Amino acid sequence: YIPHIVLGKGPPGGAWHSMEGSMLTISFGDWMELPGLSFKEWAASKRRNIKSDRVMPEEIACYYKHYVKVMGLQKNFRDNVYITSVSRLYREKDDEGRSHQNEDISTQHLEIEDGQKS
């Protein structure tokens, strides 16, 4: 049983991974930050020459992927997942240590990459 799980077609960072590399964001603003990890501080530690607050999509994608690792959330994320059905069930047994291929996952909250919640 996992209280909250995020399923996606790719790694954490979603669509940011597929955006054109030379494009820059309008600003780096607080809207990109997640709790407990300042985006500006993280970016400053990764970049040699910070001339502006604009960043490339690759940097944002890496920030989100790094966030999952740093916060210890890997067990709550499943990459390269294709959902074939969603249904409510009652289960008592623990799902720890099972293979991730063709598995049934028990969770109280489900978030799919496009932000839909069930």
PDB file of N, CA and C in Angstrom:
ATOM      1  N   TYR A   1       0.840  -1.193   0.000  1.00  0.00           N
ATOM      2  CA  TYR A   1       0.000   0.000   0.000  1.00  0.00           C
ATOM      3  C   TYR A   1       0.877   1.247   0.000  1.00  0.00           C
ATOM      4  N   ILE A   2       0.623   2.169  -0.926  1.00  0.00           N
ATOM      5  CA  ILE A   2       1.333   3.444  -1.013  1.00  0.00           C
ATOM      6  C   ILE A   2       0.273   4.538  -0.907  1.00  0.00           C
ATOM      7  N   PRO A   3       0.360   5.446   0.091  1.00  0.00           N
ATOM      8  CA  PRO A   3      -0.690   6.447   0.285  1.00  0.00           C
ATOM      9  C   PRO A   3      -0.866   7.407  -0.896  1.00  0.00           C
ATOM     10  N   HIS A   4       0.195   7.697  -1.633  1.00  0.00           N
ATOM     11  CA  HIS A   4       0.109   8.623  -2.768  1.00  0.00           C
ATOM     12  C   HIS A   4       1.099   8.137  -3.820  1.00  0.00           C
ATOM     13  N   ILE A   5       0.651   8.034  -5.056  1.00  0.00           N
ATOM     14  CA  ILE A   5       1.538   7.552  -6.121  1.00  0.00           C
ATOM     15  C   ILE A   5       1.381   8.424  -7.361  1.00  0.00           C
ATOM     16  N   VAL A   6       2.487   8.639  -8.060  1.00  0.00           N
ATOM     17  CA  VAL A   6       2.491   9.421  -9.297  1.00  0.00           C
ATOM     18  C   VAL A   6       2.940   8.490 -10.419  1.00  0.00           C
ATOM     19  N   LEU A   7       2.091   8.350 -11.427  1.00  0.00           N
ATOM     20  CA  LEU A   7       2.395   7.494 -12.567  1.00  0.00           C
ATOM     21  C   LEU A   7       2.627   8.374 -13.786  1.00  0.00           C
ATOM     22  N   GLY A   8       3.656   8.068 -14.570  1.00  0.00           N
ATOM     23  CA  GLY A   8       3.924   8.885 -15.749  1.00  0.00           C
ATOM     24  C   GLY A   8       4.557   8.104 -16.876  1.00  0.00           C
ATOM     25  N   LYS A   9       4.450   8.656 -18.078  1.00  0.00           N
ATOM     26  CA  LYS A   9       5.045   8.025 -19.255  1.00  0.00           C
ATOM     27  C   LYS A   9       6.557   8.178 -19.268  1.00  0.00           C
ATOM     28  N   GLY A  10       7.077   9.117 -18.485  1.00  0.00           N
ATOM     29  CA  GLY A  10       8.513   9.355 -18.425  1.00  0.00           C
ATOM     30  C   GLY A  10       8.928   9.675 -17.003  1.00  0.00           C
ATOM     31  N   PRO A  11      10.142  10.203 -16.825  1.00  0.00           N
ATOM     32  CA  PRO A  11      10.647  10.517 -15.486  1.00  0.00           C
ATOM     33  C   PRO A  11       9.977  11.750 -14.881  1.00  0.00           C
ATOM     34  N   PRO A  12      10.148  11.978 -13.568  1.00  0.00           N
ATOM     35  CA  PRO A  12       9.613  13.197 -12.957  1.00  0.00           C
ATOM     36  C   PRO A  12      10.113  14.421 -13.723  1.00  0.00           C
ATOM     37  N   GLY A  13       9.232  15.361 -13.936  1.00  0.00           N
ATOM     38  CA  GLY A  13       9.548  16.537 -14.740  1.00  0.00           C
ATOM     39  C   GLY A  13       8.668  16.581 -15.973  1.00  0.00           C
ATOM     40  N   GLY A  14       8.006  15.468 -16.241  1.00  0.00           N
ATOM     41  CA  GLY A  14       7.024  15.382 -17.316  1.00  0.00           C
ATOM     42  C   GLY A  14       7.400  16.044 -18.626  1.00  0.00           C
ATOM     43  N   ALA A  15       6.551  16.961 -19.084  1.00  0.00           N
ATOM     44  CA  ALA A  15       6.699  17.603 -20.389  1.00  0.00           C
ATOM     45  C   ALA A  15       7.981  18.420 -20.515  1.00  0.00           C
ATOM     46  N   TRP A  16       8.559  18.843 -19.411  1.00  0.00           N
ATOM     47  CA  TRP A  16       9.802  19.618 -19.485  1.00  0.00           C
ATOM     48  C   TRP A  16      10.911  18.819 -20.169  1.00  0.00           C
ATOM     49  N   HIS A  17      10.864  17.500 -20.101  1.00  0.00           N
ATOM     50  CA  HIS A  17      11.887  16.659 -20.734  1.00  0.00           C
ATOM     51  C   HIS A  17      11.793  16.672 -22.259  1.00  0.00           C
ATOM     52  N   SER A  18      10.614  16.961 -22.796  1.00  0.00           N
ATOM     53  CA  SER A  18      10.431  16.889 -24.251  1.00  0.00           C
ATOM     54  C   SER A  18      10.456  18.252 -24.943  1.00  0.00           C
ATOM     55  N   MET A  19      10.641  19.328 -24.195  1.00  0.00           N
ATOM     56  CA  MET A  19      10.666  20.664 -24.809  1.00  0.00           C
ATOM     57  C   MET A  19      12.015  20.954 -25.447  1.00  0.00           C
ATOM     58  N   GLU A  20      11.976  21.802 -26.453  1.00  0.00           N
ATOM     59  CA  GLU A  20      13.183  22.166 -27.197  1.00  0.00           C
ATOM     60  C   GLU A  20      14.244  22.748 -26.275  1.00  0.00           C
ATOM     61  N   GLY A  21      15.464  22.259 -26.403  1.00  0.00           N
ATOM     62  CA  GLY A  21      16.559  22.630 -25.516  1.00  0.00           C
ATOM     63  C   GLY A  21      17.003  24.071 -25.559  1.00  0.00           C
ATOM     64  N   SER A  22      16.897  24.754 -26.708  1.00  0.00           N
ATOM     65  CA  SER A  22      17.398  26.126 -26.809  1.00  0.00           C
ATOM     66  C   SER A  22      16.389  27.162 -26.318  1.00  0.00           C
ATOM     67  N   MET A  23      15.159  26.743 -26.088  1.00  0.00           N
ATOM     68  CA  MET A  23      14.126  27.649 -25.609  1.00  0.00           C
ATOM     69  C   MET A  23      14.406  28.024 -24.149  1.00  0.00           C
ATOM     70  N   LEU A  24      14.054  29.252 -23.766  1.00  0.00           N
ATOM     71  CA  LEU A  24      14.222  29.693 -22.380  1.00  0.00           C
ATOM     72  C   LEU A  24      12.870  30.025 -21.775  1.00  0.00           C
ATOM     73  N   THR A  25      12.763  29.851 -20.473  1.00  0.00           N
ATOM     74  CA  THR A  25      11.539  30.237 -19.775  1.00  0.00           C
ATOM     75  C   THR A  25      11.443  31.754 -19.739  1.00  0.00           C
ATOM     76  N   ILE A  26      10.257  32.275 -19.496  1.00  0.00           N
ATOM     77  CA  ILE A  26      10.072  33.721 -19.384  1.00  0.00           C
ATOM     78  C   ILE A  26      10.785  34.232 -18.142  1.00  0.00           C
ATOM     79  N   SER A  27      10.641  33.494 -17.044  1.00  0.00           N
ATOM     80  CA  SER A  27      11.362  33.829 -15.812  1.00  0.00           C
ATOM     81  C   SER A  27      11.507  32.568 -14.990  1.00  0.00           C
ATOM     82  N   PHE A  28      12.332  32.600 -13.960  1.00  0.00           N
ATOM     83  CA  PHE A  28      12.468  31.419 -13.165  1.00  0.00           C
ATOM     84  C   PHE A  28      11.539  31.385 -11.961  1.00  0.00           C
ATOM     85  N   GLY A  29      10.914  32.416 -11.641  1.00  0.00           N
ATOM     86  CA  GLY A  29       9.910  32.574 -10.603  1.00  0.00           C
ATOM     87  C   GLY A  29       9.657  31.440  -9.617  1.00  0.00           C
ATOM     88  N   ASP A  30       9.016  31.811  -8.554  1.00  0.00           N
ATOM     89  CA  ASP A  30       8.681  30.855  -7.496  1.00  0.00           C
ATOM     90  C   ASP A  30       7.724  29.759  -7.962  1.00  0.00           C
ATOM     91  N   TRP A  31       7.046  29.974  -9.065  1.00  0.00           N
ATOM     92  CA  TRP A  31       6.063  28.992  -9.525  1.00  0.00           C
ATOM     93  C   TRP A  31       6.683  27.648  -9.867  1.00  0.00           C
ATOM     94  N   MET A  32       7.991  27.603 -10.089  1.00  0.00           N
ATOM     95  CA  MET A  32       8.641  26.330 -10.417  1.00  0.00           C
ATOM     96  C   MET A  32       9.150  25.595  -9.185  1.00  0.00           C
ATOM     97  N   GLU A  33       9.221  26.279  -8.062  1.00  0.00           N
ATOM     98  CA  GLU A  33       9.793  25.677  -6.849  1.00  0.00           C
ATOM     99  C   GLU A  33       8.846  24.696  -6.184  1.00  0.00           C
ATOM    100  N   LEU A  34       9.448  23.681  -5.615  1.00  0.00           N
ATOM    101  CA  LEU A  34       8.720  22.722  -4.796  1.00  0.00           C
ATOM    102  C   LEU A  34       9.162  22.913  -3.347  1.00  0.00           C
ATOM    103  N   PRO A  35       8.322  22.565  -2.378  1.00  0.00           N
ATOM    104  CA  PRO A  35       8.657  22.786  -0.966  1.00  0.00           C
ATOM    105  C   PRO A  35       9.960  22.105  -0.554  1.00  0.00           C
ATOM    106  N   GLY A  36      10.802  22.849   0.137  1.00  0.00           N
ATOM    107  CA  GLY A  36      12.020  22.278   0.703  1.00  0.00           C
ATOM    108  C   GLY A  36      13.250  22.298  -0.181  1.00  0.00           C
ATOM    109  N   LEU A  37      13.132  22.776  -1.430  1.00  0.00           N
ATOM    110  CA  LEU A  37      14.290  22.837  -2.327  1.00  0.00           C
ATOM    111  C   LEU A  37      14.160  24.067  -3.218  1.00  0.00           C
ATOM    112  N   SER A  38      14.906  25.108  -2.884  1.00  0.00           N
ATOM    113  CA  SER A  38      14.867  26.355  -3.649  1.00  0.00           C
ATOM    114  C   SER A  38      15.375  26.122  -5.068  1.00  0.00           C
ATOM    115  N   PHE A  39      14.568  26.502  -6.052  1.00  0.00           N
ATOM    116  CA  PHE A  39      14.987  26.335  -7.444  1.00  0.00           C
ATOM    117  C   PHE A  39      16.196  27.205  -7.751  1.00  0.00           C
ATOM    118  N   LYS A  40      16.186  28.446  -7.284  1.00  0.00           N
ATOM    119  CA  LYS A  40      17.312  29.356  -7.552  1.00  0.00           C
ATOM    120  C   LYS A  40      18.611  28.822  -6.970  1.00  0.00           C
ATOM    121  N   GLU A  41      18.574  28.338  -5.741  1.00  0.00           N
ATOM    122  CA  GLU A  41      19.783  27.785  -5.116  1.00  0.00           C
ATOM    123  C   GLU A  41      20.244  26.522  -5.836  1.00  0.00           C
ATOM    124  N   TRP A  42      19.306  25.670  -6.208  1.00  0.00           N
ATOM    125  CA  TRP A  42      19.652  24.449  -6.927  1.00  0.00           C
ATOM    126  C   TRP A  42      20.287  24.796  -8.270  1.00  0.00           C
ATOM    127  N   ALA A  43      19.672  25.728  -9.004  1.00  0.00           N
ATOM    128  CA  ALA A  43      20.191  26.126 -10.318  1.00  0.00           C
ATOM    129  C   ALA A  43      21.568  26.771 -10.183  1.00  0.00           C
ATOM    130  N   ALA A  44      21.753  27.598  -9.157  1.00  0.00           N
ATOM    131  CA  ALA A  44      23.050  28.260  -8.949  1.00  0.00           C
ATOM    132  C   ALA A  44      24.152  27.236  -8.698  1.00  0.00           C
ATOM    133  N   SER A  45      23.818  26.138  -8.051  1.00  0.00           N
ATOM    134  CA  SER A  45      24.830  25.110  -7.775  1.00  0.00           C
ATOM    135  C   SER A  45      25.178  24.300  -9.026  1.00  0.00           C
ATOM    136  N   LYS A  46      24.334  24.354 -10.043  1.00  0.00           N
ATOM    137  CA  LYS A  46      24.544  23.579 -11.270  1.00  0.00           C
ATOM    138  C   LYS A  46      25.117  24.411 -12.416  1.00  0.00           C
ATOM    139  N   ARG A  47      24.933  25.724 -12.368  1.00  0.00           N
ATOM    140  CA  ARG A  47      25.322  26.591 -13.484  1.00  0.00           C
ATOM    141  C   ARG A  47      26.583  27.365 -13.150  1.00  0.00           C
ATOM    142  N   ARG A  48      27.449  27.511 -14.138  1.00  0.00           N
ATOM    143  CA  ARG A  48      28.687  28.270 -13.935  1.00  0.00           C
ATOM    144  C   ARG A  48      28.473  29.761 -14.119  1.00  0.00           C
ATOM    145  N   ASN A  49      27.670  30.129 -15.093  1.00  0.00           N
ATOM    146  CA  ASN A  49      27.529  31.531 -15.459  1.00  0.00           C
ATOM    147  C   ASN A  49      26.054  31.921 -15.452  1.00  0.00           C
ATOM    148  N   ILE A  50      25.607  32.509 -14.364  1.00  0.00           N
ATOM    149  CA  ILE A  50      24.204  32.905 -14.266  1.00  0.00           C
ATOM    150  C   ILE A  50      24.092  34.381 -14.624  1.00  0.00           C
ATOM    151  N   LYS A  51      23.628  34.647 -15.855  1.00  0.00           N
ATOM    152  CA  LYS A  51      23.482  36.033 -16.308  1.00  0.00           C
ATOM    153  C   LYS A  51      22.037  36.503 -16.218  1.00  0.00           C
ATOM    154  N   SER A  52      21.111  35.575 -16.224  1.00  0.00           N
ATOM    155  CA  SER A  52      19.705  35.974 -16.159  1.00  0.00           C
ATOM    156  C   SER A  52      18.914  34.948 -15.364  1.00  0.00           C
ATOM    157  N   ASP A  53      17.670  35.294 -15.111  1.00  0.00           N
ATOM    158  CA  ASP A  53      16.782  34.382 -14.389  1.00  0.00           C
ATOM    159  C   ASP A  53      16.108  33.387 -15.322  1.00  0.00           C
ATOM    160  N   ARG A  54      16.412  33.450 -16.599  1.00  0.00           N
ATOM    161  CA  ARG A  54      15.787  32.540 -17.559  1.00  0.00           C
ATOM    162  C   ARG A  54      16.567  31.228 -17.610  1.00  0.00           C
ATOM    163  N   VAL A  55      15.837  30.140 -17.716  1.00  0.00           N
ATOM    164  CA  VAL A  55      16.475  28.822 -17.724  1.00  0.00           C
ATOM    165  C   VAL A  55      15.936  27.972 -18.873  1.00  0.00           C
ATOM    166  N   MET A  56      16.671  26.943 -19.218  1.00  0.00           N
ATOM    167  CA  MET A  56      16.251  26.019 -20.274  1.00  0.00           C
ATOM    168  C   MET A  56      15.358  24.925 -19.685  1.00  0.00           C
ATOM    169  N   PRO A  57      14.471  24.368 -20.509  1.00  0.00           N
ATOM    170  CA  PRO A  57      13.593  23.293 -20.037  1.00  0.00           C
ATOM    171  C   PRO A  57      14.358  22.128 -19.412  1.00  0.00           C
ATOM    172  N   GLU A  58      15.528  21.821 -19.947  1.00  0.00           N
ATOM    173  CA  GLU A  58      16.334  20.719 -19.413  1.00  0.00           C
ATOM    174  C   GLU A  58      16.667  20.938 -17.935  1.00  0.00           C
ATOM    175  N   GLU A  59      16.928  22.204 -17.567  1.00  0.00           N
ATOM    176  CA  GLU A  59      17.247  22.507 -16.167  1.00  0.00           C
ATOM    177  C   GLU A  59      16.040  22.279 -15.265  1.00  0.00           C
ATOM    178  N   ILE A  60      14.868  22.660 -15.742  1.00  0.00           N
ATOM    179  CA  ILE A  60      13.649  22.471 -14.955  1.00  0.00           C
ATOM    180  C   ILE A  60      13.366  20.976 -14.792  1.00  0.00           C
ATOM    181  N   ALA A  61      13.502  20.226 -15.883  1.00  0.00           N
ATOM    182  CA  ALA A  61      13.286  18.776 -15.831  1.00  0.00           C
ATOM    183  C   ALA A  61      14.243  18.125 -14.834  1.00  0.00           C
ATOM    184  N   CYS A  62      15.503  18.535 -14.865  1.00  0.00           N
ATOM    185  CA  CYS A  62      16.502  17.975 -13.937  1.00  0.00           C
ATOM    186  C   CYS A  62      16.183  18.339 -12.486  1.00  0.00           C
ATOM    187  N   TYR A  63      15.697  19.566 -12.263  1.00  0.00           N
ATOM    188  CA  TYR A  63      15.321  20.005 -10.912  1.00  0.00           C
ATOM    189  C   TYR A  63      14.225  19.097 -10.349  1.00  0.00           C
ATOM    190  N   TYR A  64      13.175  18.848 -11.138  1.00  0.00           N
ATOM    191  CA  TYR A  64      12.077  18.009 -10.660  1.00  0.00           C
ATOM    192  C   TYR A  64      12.534  16.567 -10.419  1.00  0.00           C
ATOM    193  N   LYS A  65      13.372  16.057 -11.295  1.00  0.00           N
ATOM    194  CA  LYS A  65      13.896  14.698 -11.126  1.00  0.00           C
ATOM    195  C   LYS A  65      14.767  14.625  -9.867  1.00  0.00           C
ATOM    196  N   HIS A  66      15.600  15.643  -9.660  1.00  0.00           N
ATOM    197  CA  HIS A  66      16.469  15.714  -8.481  1.00  0.00           C
ATOM    198  C   HIS A  66      15.637  15.826  -7.200  1.00  0.00           C
ATOM    199  N   TYR A  67      14.559  16.600  -7.257  1.00  0.00           N
ATOM    200  CA  TYR A  67      13.680  16.793  -6.100  1.00  0.00           C
ATOM    201  C   TYR A  67      13.154  15.448  -5.583  1.00  0.00           C
ATOM    202  N   VAL A  68      12.695  14.616  -6.500  1.00  0.00           N
ATOM    203  CA  VAL A  68      12.159  13.306  -6.112  1.00  0.00           C
ATOM    204  C   VAL A  68      13.221  12.499  -5.372  1.00  0.00           C
ATOM    205  N   LYS A  69      14.452  12.534  -5.870  1.00  0.00           N
ATOM    206  CA  LYS A  69      15.548  11.787  -5.245  1.00  0.00           C
ATOM    207  C   LYS A  69      15.908  12.366  -3.881  1.00  0.00           C
ATOM    208  N   VAL A  70      16.112  13.680  -3.816  1.00  0.00           N
ATOM    209  CA  VAL A  70      16.540  14.356  -2.584  1.00  0.00           C
ATOM    210  C   VAL A  70      15.502  14.216  -1.466  1.00  0.00           C
ATOM    211  N   MET A  71      14.238  14.230  -1.817  1.00  0.00           N
ATOM    212  CA  MET A  71      13.170  14.126  -0.822  1.00  0.00           C
ATOM    213  C   MET A  71      12.801  12.674  -0.503  1.00  0.00           C
ATOM    214  N   GLY A  72      13.477  11.721  -1.142  1.00  0.00           N
ATOM    215  CA  GLY A  72      13.217  10.305  -0.864  1.00  0.00           C
ATOM    216  C   GLY A  72      11.855   9.833  -1.334  1.00  0.00           C
ATOM    217  N   LEU A  73      11.401  10.352  -2.462  1.00  0.00           N
ATOM    218  CA  LEU A  73      10.061  10.036  -2.952  1.00  0.00           C
ATOM    219  C   LEU A  73      10.035   8.980  -4.058  1.00  0.00           C
ATOM    220  N   GLN A  74      11.166   8.343  -4.337  1.00  0.00           N
ATOM    221  CA  GLN A  74      11.239   7.389  -5.445  1.00  0.00           C
ATOM    222  C   GLN A  74      10.174   6.296  -5.363  1.00  0.00           C
ATOM    223  N   LYS A  75       9.873   5.829  -4.156  1.00  0.00           N
ATOM    224  CA  LYS A  75       8.881   4.748  -4.012  1.00  0.00           C
ATOM    225  C   LYS A  75       7.480   5.196  -4.417  1.00  0.00           C
ATOM    226  N   ASN A  76       7.260   6.510  -4.486  1.00  0.00           N
ATOM    227  CA  ASN A  76       5.949   7.034  -4.854  1.00  0.00           C
ATOM    228  C   ASN A  76       5.826   7.336  -6.348  1.00  0.00           C
ATOM    229  N   PHE A  77       6.888   7.132  -7.110  1.00  0.00           N
ATOM    230  CA  PHE A  77       6.884   7.436  -8.539  1.00  0.00           C
ATOM    231  C   PHE A  77       7.101   6.176  -9.356  1.00  0.00           C
ATOM    232  N   ARG A  78       6.344   6.033 -10.438  1.00  0.00           N
ATOM    233  CA  ARG A  78       6.526   4.947 -11.398  1.00  0.00           C
ATOM    234  C   ARG A  78       6.678   5.604 -12.773  1.00  0.00           C
ATOM    235  N   ASP A  79       7.868   5.453 -13.372  1.00  0.00           N
ATOM    236  CA  ASP A  79       8.141   5.998 -14.702  1.00  0.00           C
ATOM    237  C   ASP A  79       7.778   4.970 -15.771  1.00  0.00           C
ATOM    238  N   ASN A  80       7.557   5.467 -16.984  1.00  0.00           N
ATOM    239  CA  ASN A  80       7.264   4.605 -18.144  1.00  0.00           C
ATOM    240  C   ASN A  80       6.084   3.674 -17.869  1.00  0.00           C
ATOM    241  N   VAL A  81       5.017   4.257 -17.335  1.00  0.00           N
ATOM    242  CA  VAL A  81       3.829   3.495 -16.964  1.00  0.00           C
ATOM    243  C   VAL A  81       2.688   3.821 -17.920  1.00  0.00           C
ATOM    244  N   TYR A  82       1.997   2.798 -18.350  1.00  0.00           N
ATOM    245  CA  TYR A  82       0.802   2.968 -19.166  1.00  0.00           C
ATOM    246  C   TYR A  82      -0.350   2.351 -18.392  1.00  0.00           C
ATOM    247  N   ILE A  83      -1.355   3.141 -18.119  1.00  0.00           N
ATOM    248  CA  ILE A  83      -2.481   2.697 -17.302  1.00  0.00           C
ATOM    249  C   ILE A  83      -3.511   2.036 -18.200  1.00  0.00           C
ATOM    250  N   THR A  84      -3.897   0.827 -17.862  1.00  0.00           N
ATOM    251  CA  THR A  84      -4.902   0.118 -18.649  1.00  0.00           C
ATOM    252  C   THR A  84      -6.271   0.150 -17.979  1.00  0.00           C
ATOM    253  N   SER A  85      -6.305   0.309 -16.660  1.00  0.00           N
ATOM    254  CA  SER A  85      -7.587   0.450 -15.964  1.00  0.00           C
ATOM    255  C   SER A  85      -7.345   0.955 -14.546  1.00  0.00           C
ATOM    256  N   VAL A  86      -8.372   1.570 -13.993  1.00  0.00           N
ATOM    257  CA  VAL A  86      -8.329   2.051 -12.610  1.00  0.00           C
ATOM    258  C   VAL A  86      -9.621   1.603 -11.946  1.00  0.00           C
ATOM    259  N   SER A  87      -9.507   0.953 -10.796  1.00  0.00           N
ATOM    260  CA  SER A  87     -10.703   0.537 -10.068  1.00  0.00           C
ATOM    261  C   SER A  87     -10.422   0.548  -8.576  1.00  0.00           C
ATOM    262  N   ARG A  88     -11.480   0.671  -7.806  1.00  0.00           N
ATOM    263  CA  ARG A  88     -11.348   0.635  -6.350  1.00  0.00           C
ATOM    264  C   ARG A  88     -11.350  -0.816  -5.888  1.00  0.00           C
ATOM    265  N   LEU A  89     -10.445  -1.146  -4.942  1.00  0.00           N
ATOM    266  CA  LEU A  89     -10.457  -2.466  -4.345  1.00  0.00           C
ATOM    267  C   LEU A  89     -10.077  -2.409  -2.883  1.00  0.00           C
ATOM    268  N   TYR A  90     -10.332  -3.503  -2.208  1.00  0.00           N
ATOM    269  CA  TYR A  90      -9.931  -3.628  -0.816  1.00  0.00           C
ATOM    270  C   TYR A  90      -8.850  -4.687  -0.762  1.00  0.00           C
ATOM    271  N   ARG A  91      -7.728  -4.345  -0.138  1.00  0.00           N
ATOM    272  CA  ARG A  91      -6.609  -5.287  -0.081  1.00  0.00           C
ATOM    273  C   ARG A  91      -5.947  -5.181   1.284  1.00  0.00           C
ATOM    274  N   GLU A  92      -5.621  -6.310   1.887  1.00  0.00           N
ATOM    275  CA  GLU A  92      -4.943  -6.309   3.178  1.00  0.00           C
ATOM    276  C   GLU A  92      -3.453  -6.544   3.058  1.00  0.00           C
ATOM    277  N   LYS A  93      -3.014  -7.287   2.057  1.00  0.00           N
ATOM    278  CA  LYS A  93      -1.602  -7.655   1.990  1.00  0.00           C
ATOM    279  C   LYS A  93      -0.725  -6.483   1.556  1.00  0.00           C
ATOM    280  N   ASP A  94       0.527  -6.559   1.916  1.00  0.00           N
ATOM    281  CA  ASP A  94       1.518  -5.534   1.603  1.00  0.00           C
ATOM    282  C   ASP A  94       2.068  -5.780   0.202  1.00  0.00           C
ATOM    283  N   ASP A  95       2.227  -4.704  -0.588  1.00  0.00           N
ATOM    284  CA  ASP A  95       2.725  -4.828  -1.960  1.00  0.00           C
ATOM    285  C   ASP A  95       4.229  -4.636  -2.074  1.00  0.00           C
ATOM    286  N   GLU A  96       4.940  -4.469  -0.956  1.00  0.00           N
ATOM    287  CA  GLU A  96       6.393  -4.226  -0.993  1.00  0.00           C
ATOM    288  C   GLU A  96       7.129  -5.372  -1.677  1.00  0.00           C
ATOM    289  N   GLY A  97       8.185  -5.032  -2.408  1.00  0.00           N
ATOM    290  CA  GLY A  97       9.073  -6.023  -2.979  1.00  0.00           C
ATOM    291  C   GLY A  97       8.554  -6.745  -4.215  1.00  0.00           C
ATOM    292  N   ARG A  98       7.472  -6.279  -4.802  1.00  0.00           N
ATOM    293  CA  ARG A  98       6.939  -6.936  -5.995  1.00  0.00           C
ATOM    294  C   ARG A  98       7.506  -6.308  -7.257  1.00  0.00           C
ATOM    295  N   SER A  99       7.517  -7.057  -8.336  1.00  0.00           N
ATOM    296  CA  SER A  99       7.947  -6.549  -9.638  1.00  0.00           C
ATOM    297  C   SER A  99       6.979  -5.454 -10.076  1.00  0.00           C
ATOM    298  N   HIS A 100       7.487  -4.469 -10.819  1.00  0.00           N
ATOM    299  CA  HIS A 100       6.641  -3.357 -11.258  1.00  0.00           C
ATOM    300  C   HIS A 100       5.958  -3.628 -12.593  1.00  0.00           C
ATOM    301  N   GLN A 101       6.276  -4.718 -13.251  1.00  0.00           N
ATOM    302  CA  GLN A 101       5.671  -5.012 -14.541  1.00  0.00           C
ATOM    303  C   GLN A 101       4.345  -5.736 -14.337  1.00  0.00           C
ATOM    304  N   ASN A 102       3.307  -5.263 -15.003  1.00  0.00           N
ATOM    305  CA  ASN A 102       1.968  -5.853 -14.938  1.00  0.00           C
ATOM    306  C   ASN A 102       1.486  -6.024 -13.502  1.00  0.00           C
ATOM    307  N   GLU A 103       1.683  -5.012 -12.687  1.00  0.00           N
ATOM    308  CA  GLU A 103       1.320  -5.132 -11.283  1.00  0.00           C
ATOM    309  C   GLU A 103       0.033  -4.396 -10.947  1.00  0.00           C
ATOM    310  N   ASP A 104      -0.599  -4.845  -9.896  1.00  0.00           N
ATOM    311  CA  ASP A 104      -1.709  -4.124  -9.296  1.00  0.00           C
ATOM    312  C   ASP A 104      -1.109  -3.269  -8.197  1.00  0.00           C
ATOM    313  N   ILE A 105      -1.455  -1.993  -8.170  1.00  0.00           N
ATOM    314  CA  ILE A 105      -0.939  -1.085  -7.152  1.00  0.00           C
ATOM    315  C   ILE A 105      -2.107  -0.608  -6.313  1.00  0.00           C
ATOM    316  N   SER A 106      -1.956  -0.670  -5.009  1.00  0.00           N
ATOM    317  CA  SER A 106      -2.978  -0.185  -4.099  1.00  0.00           C
ATOM    318  C   SER A 106      -2.546   1.171  -3.560  1.00  0.00           C
ATOM    319  N   THR A 107      -3.381   2.191  -3.718  1.00  0.00           N
ATOM    320  CA  THR A 107      -3.055   3.541  -3.271  1.00  0.00           C
ATOM    321  C   THR A 107      -4.323   4.299  -2.912  1.00  0.00           C
ATOM    322  N   GLN A 108      -4.205   5.230  -1.997  1.00  0.00           N
ATOM    323  CA  GLN A 108      -5.354   6.044  -1.623  1.00  0.00           C
ATOM    324  C   GLN A 108      -5.536   7.194  -2.603  1.00  0.00           C
ATOM    325  N   HIS A 109      -4.439   7.780  -3.091  1.00  0.00           N
ATOM    326  CA  HIS A 109      -4.486   8.897  -4.040  1.00  0.00           C
ATOM    327  C   HIS A 109      -3.652   8.546  -5.253  1.00  0.00           C
ATOM    328  N   LEU A 110      -4.169   8.821  -6.438  1.00  0.00           N
ATOM    329  CA  LEU A 110      -3.470   8.520  -7.680  1.00  0.00           C
ATOM    330  C   LEU A 110      -3.349   9.795  -8.492  1.00  0.00           C
ATOM    331  N   GLU A 111      -2.132  10.120  -8.928  1.00  0.00           N
ATOM    332  CA  GLU A 111      -1.935  11.267  -9.803  1.00  0.00           C
ATOM    333  C   GLU A 111      -1.282  10.776 -11.077  1.00  0.00           C
ATOM    334  N   ILE A 112      -1.886  11.132 -12.197  1.00  0.00           N
ATOM    335  CA  ILE A 112      -1.371  10.734 -13.499  1.00  0.00           C
ATOM    336  C   ILE A 112      -0.623  11.923 -14.084  1.00  0.00           C
ATOM    337  N   GLU A 113       0.393  11.669 -14.885  1.00  0.00           N
ATOM    338  CA  GLU A 113       1.291  12.694 -15.409  1.00  0.00           C
ATOM    339  C   GLU A 113       0.587  13.961 -15.882  1.00  0.00           C
ATOM    340  N   ASP A 114      -0.580  13.855 -16.486  1.00  0.00           N
ATOM    341  CA  ASP A 114      -1.252  15.049 -16.985  1.00  0.00           C
ATOM    342  C   ASP A 114      -2.004  15.801 -15.890  1.00  0.00           C
ATOM    343  N   GLY A 115      -1.829  15.387 -14.639  1.00  0.00           N
ATOM    344  CA  GLY A 115      -2.393  16.106 -13.509  1.00  0.00           C
ATOM    345  C   GLY A 115      -3.764  15.639 -13.074  1.00  0.00           C
ATOM    346  N   GLN A 116      -4.382  14.693 -13.777  1.00  0.00           N
ATOM    347  CA  GLN A 116      -5.690  14.202 -13.373  1.00  0.00           C
ATOM    348  C   GLN A 116      -5.557  13.409 -12.090  1.00  0.00           C
ATOM    349  N   LYS A 117      -6.494  13.597 -11.191  1.00  0.00           N
ATOM    350  CA  LYS A 117      -6.474  12.839  -9.936  1.00  0.00           C
ATOM    351  C   LYS A 117      -7.684  11.938  -9.879  1.00  0.00           C
ATOM    352  N   SER A 118      -7.505  10.811  -9.231  1.00  0.00           N
ATOM    353  CA  SER A 118      -8.590   9.852  -9.126  1.00  0.00           C
ATOM    354  C   SER A 118      -8.720   9.410  -7.687  1.00  0.00           C
TER     355      SER A 118
END
